[in-house]
Amino acid sequence: MNLRFDHLGLLTDSRDKNQDIADFFSGVLGLEVSGNAGEGYAEVKAGAMTIALHSGAMIDDFGAHGGTLLQFSSDDVRADVEEIRDRGGKIALEPTEADWGTIAYVAGPHGVLVELCTSH
């Protein structure tokens, strides 16, 4: 078997929620979004990883989206938080020093939480 992890998919139960999440990634985090989330599918480029935004799934019962933590490395968490704040982002946890580095959380729509981390 030769499996490669290259996409992370976020499933929502409506096209409106899908668009809200795409708008968060592009407008608040400043990431490139391609496709049309409001029509059901878009992709967010996040370095080597792609975050796929789906409204619905190929199965009927995929359950409600209960929350997702996406972790991003940052060269300067404090500067990135200020840029995100300037874009209207909601900071759920202000930059905090932990044993492993500086972390902060940004709250997105519909259970999406983004962690920014600078390792020491």
C-alpha atoms as a PDB file:
ATOM      1  CA  MET A   1       0.000   0.000   0.000  1.00  0.00           C
ATOM      2  CA  ASN A   2       1.243   3.500  -0.866  1.00  0.00           C
ATOM      3  CA  LEU A   3      -0.940   6.139   0.809  1.00  0.00           C
ATOM      4  CA  ARG A   4      -0.069   9.845   0.918  1.00  0.00           C
ATOM      5  CA  PHE A   5      -1.837  12.436   3.081  1.00  0.00           C
ATOM      6  CA  ASP A   6      -2.181  15.567   0.957  1.00  0.00           C
ATOM      7  CA  HIS A   7      -5.685  16.941   1.623  1.00  0.00           C
ATOM      8  CA  LEU A   8      -7.704  17.615   4.738  1.00  0.00           C
ATOM      9  CA  GLY A   9     -11.434  17.821   4.086  1.00  0.00           C
ATOM     10  CA  LEU A  10     -13.900  19.898   6.075  1.00  0.00           C
ATOM     11  CA  LEU A  11     -17.514  18.791   5.606  1.00  0.00           C
ATOM     12  CA  THR A  12     -20.439  21.131   6.222  1.00  0.00           C
ATOM     13  CA  ASP A  13     -24.157  20.576   5.909  1.00  0.00           C
ATOM     14  CA  SER A  14     -24.860  23.662   3.792  1.00  0.00           C
ATOM     15  CA  ARG A  15     -23.352  25.710   1.008  1.00  0.00           C
ATOM     16  CA  ASP A  16     -23.705  28.856   3.142  1.00  0.00           C
ATOM     17  CA  LYS A  17     -21.549  27.337   5.903  1.00  0.00           C
ATOM     18  CA  ASN A  18     -19.059  26.176   3.291  1.00  0.00           C
ATOM     19  CA  GLN A  19     -18.819  29.760   1.964  1.00  0.00           C
ATOM     20  CA  ASP A  20     -18.451  31.169   5.508  1.00  0.00           C
ATOM     21  CA  ILE A  21     -15.440  28.924   6.092  1.00  0.00           C
ATOM     22  CA  ALA A  22     -13.887  29.838   2.709  1.00  0.00           C
ATOM     23  CA  ASP A  23     -14.357  33.539   3.512  1.00  0.00           C
ATOM     24  CA  PHE A  24     -12.609  33.014   6.872  1.00  0.00           C
ATOM     25  CA  PHE A  25      -9.600  31.345   5.249  1.00  0.00           C
ATOM     26  CA  SER A  26      -9.251  33.994   2.544  1.00  0.00           C
ATOM     27  CA  GLY A  27     -10.410  37.154   4.298  1.00  0.00           C
ATOM     28  CA  VAL A  28      -9.130  36.572   7.839  1.00  0.00           C
ATOM     29  CA  LEU A  29      -6.135  34.252   7.377  1.00  0.00           C
ATOM     30  CA  GLY A  30      -5.160  35.577   3.937  1.00  0.00           C
ATOM     31  CA  LEU A  31      -4.879  32.132   2.328  1.00  0.00           C
ATOM     32  CA  GLU A  32      -5.547  31.428  -1.336  1.00  0.00           C
ATOM     33  CA  VAL A  33      -8.932  29.821  -2.021  1.00  0.00           C
ATOM     34  CA  SER A  34      -9.842  28.350  -5.413  1.00  0.00           C
ATOM     35  CA  GLY A  35     -13.142  26.928  -6.584  1.00  0.00           C
ATOM     36  CA  ASN A  36     -16.571  28.038  -5.455  1.00  0.00           C
ATOM     37  CA  ALA A  37     -17.411  27.101  -1.873  1.00  0.00           C
ATOM     38  CA  GLY A  38     -20.922  28.487  -2.273  1.00  0.00           C
ATOM     39  CA  GLU A  39     -21.546  25.975  -5.036  1.00  0.00           C
ATOM     40  CA  GLY A  40     -20.271  23.087  -2.930  1.00  0.00           C
ATOM     41  CA  TYR A  41     -16.480  22.734  -3.252  1.00  0.00           C
ATOM     42  CA  ALA A  42     -13.356  24.845  -2.862  1.00  0.00           C
ATOM     43  CA  GLU A  43      -9.711  24.290  -1.975  1.00  0.00           C
ATOM     44  CA  VAL A  44      -7.525  26.296   0.382  1.00  0.00           C
ATOM     45  CA  LYS A  45      -3.763  26.284  -0.240  1.00  0.00           C
ATOM     46  CA  ALA A  46      -1.889  26.106   3.059  1.00  0.00           C
ATOM     47  CA  GLY A  47       1.729  25.393   2.195  1.00  0.00           C
ATOM     48  CA  ALA A  48       2.145  21.787   1.081  1.00  0.00           C
ATOM     49  CA  MET A  49      -1.310  20.882   2.440  1.00  0.00           C
ATOM     50  CA  THR A  50      -4.642  21.492   0.749  1.00  0.00           C
ATOM     51  CA  ILE A  51      -7.781  21.995   2.832  1.00  0.00           C
ATOM     52  CA  ALA A  52     -10.793  20.844   0.819  1.00  0.00           C
ATOM     53  CA  LEU A  53     -14.116  22.478   1.687  1.00  0.00           C
ATOM     54  CA  HIS A  54     -17.142  20.306   0.931  1.00  0.00           C
ATOM     55  CA  SER A  55     -20.816  21.005   1.414  1.00  0.00           C
ATOM     56  CA  GLY A  56     -22.151  17.493   1.724  1.00  0.00           C
ATOM     57  CA  ALA A  57     -20.397  14.233   1.046  1.00  0.00           C
ATOM     58  CA  MET A  58     -20.710  11.208  -1.205  1.00  0.00           C
ATOM     59  CA  ILE A  59     -22.576   9.435   1.598  1.00  0.00           C
ATOM     60  CA  ASP A  60     -25.937  10.449   3.022  1.00  0.00           C
ATOM     61  CA  ASP A  61     -25.109  10.489   6.737  1.00  0.00           C
ATOM     62  CA  PHE A  62     -21.754  12.106   7.455  1.00  0.00           C
ATOM     63  CA  GLY A  63     -22.838  13.698  10.743  1.00  0.00           C
ATOM     64  CA  ALA A  64     -22.708  17.282  11.918  1.00  0.00           C
ATOM     65  CA  HIS A  65     -19.400  19.135  11.834  1.00  0.00           C
ATOM     66  CA  GLY A  66     -18.393  19.100  15.490  1.00  0.00           C
ATOM     67  CA  GLY A  67     -15.224  21.157  15.344  1.00  0.00           C
ATOM     68  CA  THR A  68     -11.779  21.064  13.811  1.00  0.00           C
ATOM     69  CA  LEU A  69      -8.419  22.321  15.054  1.00  0.00           C
ATOM     70  CA  LEU A  70      -6.042  23.230  12.231  1.00  0.00           C
ATOM     71  CA  GLN A  71      -2.456  23.853  13.310  1.00  0.00           C
ATOM     72  CA  PHE A  72      -0.233  26.256  11.377  1.00  0.00           C
ATOM     73  CA  SER A  73       3.445  27.017  11.958  1.00  0.00           C
ATOM     74  CA  SER A  74       4.236  30.713  12.164  1.00  0.00           C
ATOM     75  CA  ASP A  75       7.507  32.628  12.096  1.00  0.00           C
ATOM     76  CA  ASP A  76       6.002  35.318  14.361  1.00  0.00           C
ATOM     77  CA  VAL A  77       2.736  34.466  16.122  1.00  0.00           C
ATOM     78  CA  ARG A  78       2.345  37.932  17.648  1.00  0.00           C
ATOM     79  CA  ALA A  79       2.714  39.731  14.305  1.00  0.00           C
ATOM     80  CA  ASP A  80       0.395  37.255  12.576  1.00  0.00           C
ATOM     81  CA  VAL A  81      -2.251  37.717  15.286  1.00  0.00           C
ATOM     82  CA  GLU A  82      -2.153  41.494  14.783  1.00  0.00           C
ATOM     83  CA  GLU A  83      -2.550  41.088  11.016  1.00  0.00           C
ATOM     84  CA  ILE A  84      -5.452  38.673  11.538  1.00  0.00           C
ATOM     85  CA  ARG A  85      -7.045  41.062  14.057  1.00  0.00           C
ATOM     86  CA  ASP A  86      -6.732  43.900  11.500  1.00  0.00           C
ATOM     87  CA  ARG A  87      -8.660  41.714   9.032  1.00  0.00           C
ATOM     88  CA  GLY A  88     -11.492  41.302  11.531  1.00  0.00           C
ATOM     89  CA  GLY A  89     -10.456  37.909  12.891  1.00  0.00           C
ATOM     90  CA  LYS A  90     -11.634  36.775  16.309  1.00  0.00           C
ATOM     91  CA  ILE A  91      -8.698  35.845  18.526  1.00  0.00           C
ATOM     92  CA  ALA A  92      -9.861  33.029  20.822  1.00  0.00           C
ATOM     93  CA  LEU A  93      -6.528  32.813  22.688  1.00  0.00           C
ATOM     94  CA  GLU A  94      -4.091  35.709  22.686  1.00  0.00           C
ATOM     95  CA  PRO A  95      -0.425  34.818  22.059  1.00  0.00           C
ATOM     96  CA  THR A  96       0.715  32.693  24.982  1.00  0.00           C
ATOM     97  CA  GLU A  97       4.076  31.245  25.889  1.00  0.00           C
ATOM     98  CA  ALA A  98       4.085  27.469  26.296  1.00  0.00           C
ATOM     99  CA  ASP A  99       6.955  25.046  26.912  1.00  0.00           C
ATOM    100  CA  TRP A 100       7.185  24.317  23.173  1.00  0.00           C
ATOM    101  CA  GLY A 101       6.702  27.846  21.794  1.00  0.00           C
ATOM    102  CA  THR A 102       4.326  30.751  21.360  1.00  0.00           C
ATOM    103  CA  ILE A 103       0.739  29.806  20.495  1.00  0.00           C
ATOM    104  CA  ALA A 104      -2.502  31.612  19.706  1.00  0.00           C
ATOM    105  CA  TYR A 105      -5.947  30.495  18.553  1.00  0.00           C
ATOM    106  CA  VAL A 106      -8.147  32.123  15.926  1.00  0.00           C
ATOM    107  CA  ALA A 107     -11.852  31.246  15.965  1.00  0.00           C
ATOM    108  CA  GLY A 108     -13.432  30.590  12.606  1.00  0.00           C
ATOM    109  CA  PRO A 109     -17.038  29.863  11.717  1.00  0.00           C
ATOM    110  CA  HIS A 110     -18.902  26.607  12.340  1.00  0.00           C
ATOM    111  CA  GLY A 111     -16.444  24.967  14.738  1.00  0.00           C
ATOM    112  CA  VAL A 112     -13.195  25.730  12.884  1.00  0.00           C
ATOM    113  CA  LEU A 113     -10.371  26.725  15.239  1.00  0.00           C
ATOM    114  CA  VAL A 114      -6.899  27.648  13.961  1.00  0.00           C
ATOM    115  CA  GLU A 115      -3.777  27.369  16.102  1.00  0.00           C
ATOM    116  CA  LEU A 116      -0.713  29.440  15.226  1.00  0.00           C
ATOM    117  CA  CYS A 117       2.524  28.194  16.752  1.00  0.00           C
ATOM    118  CA  THR A 118       6.141  29.306  16.768  1.00  0.00           C
ATOM    119  CA  SER A 119       8.471  26.623  18.141  1.00  0.00           C
ATOM    120  CA  HIS A 120      11.344  27.582  20.439  1.00  0.00           C
END
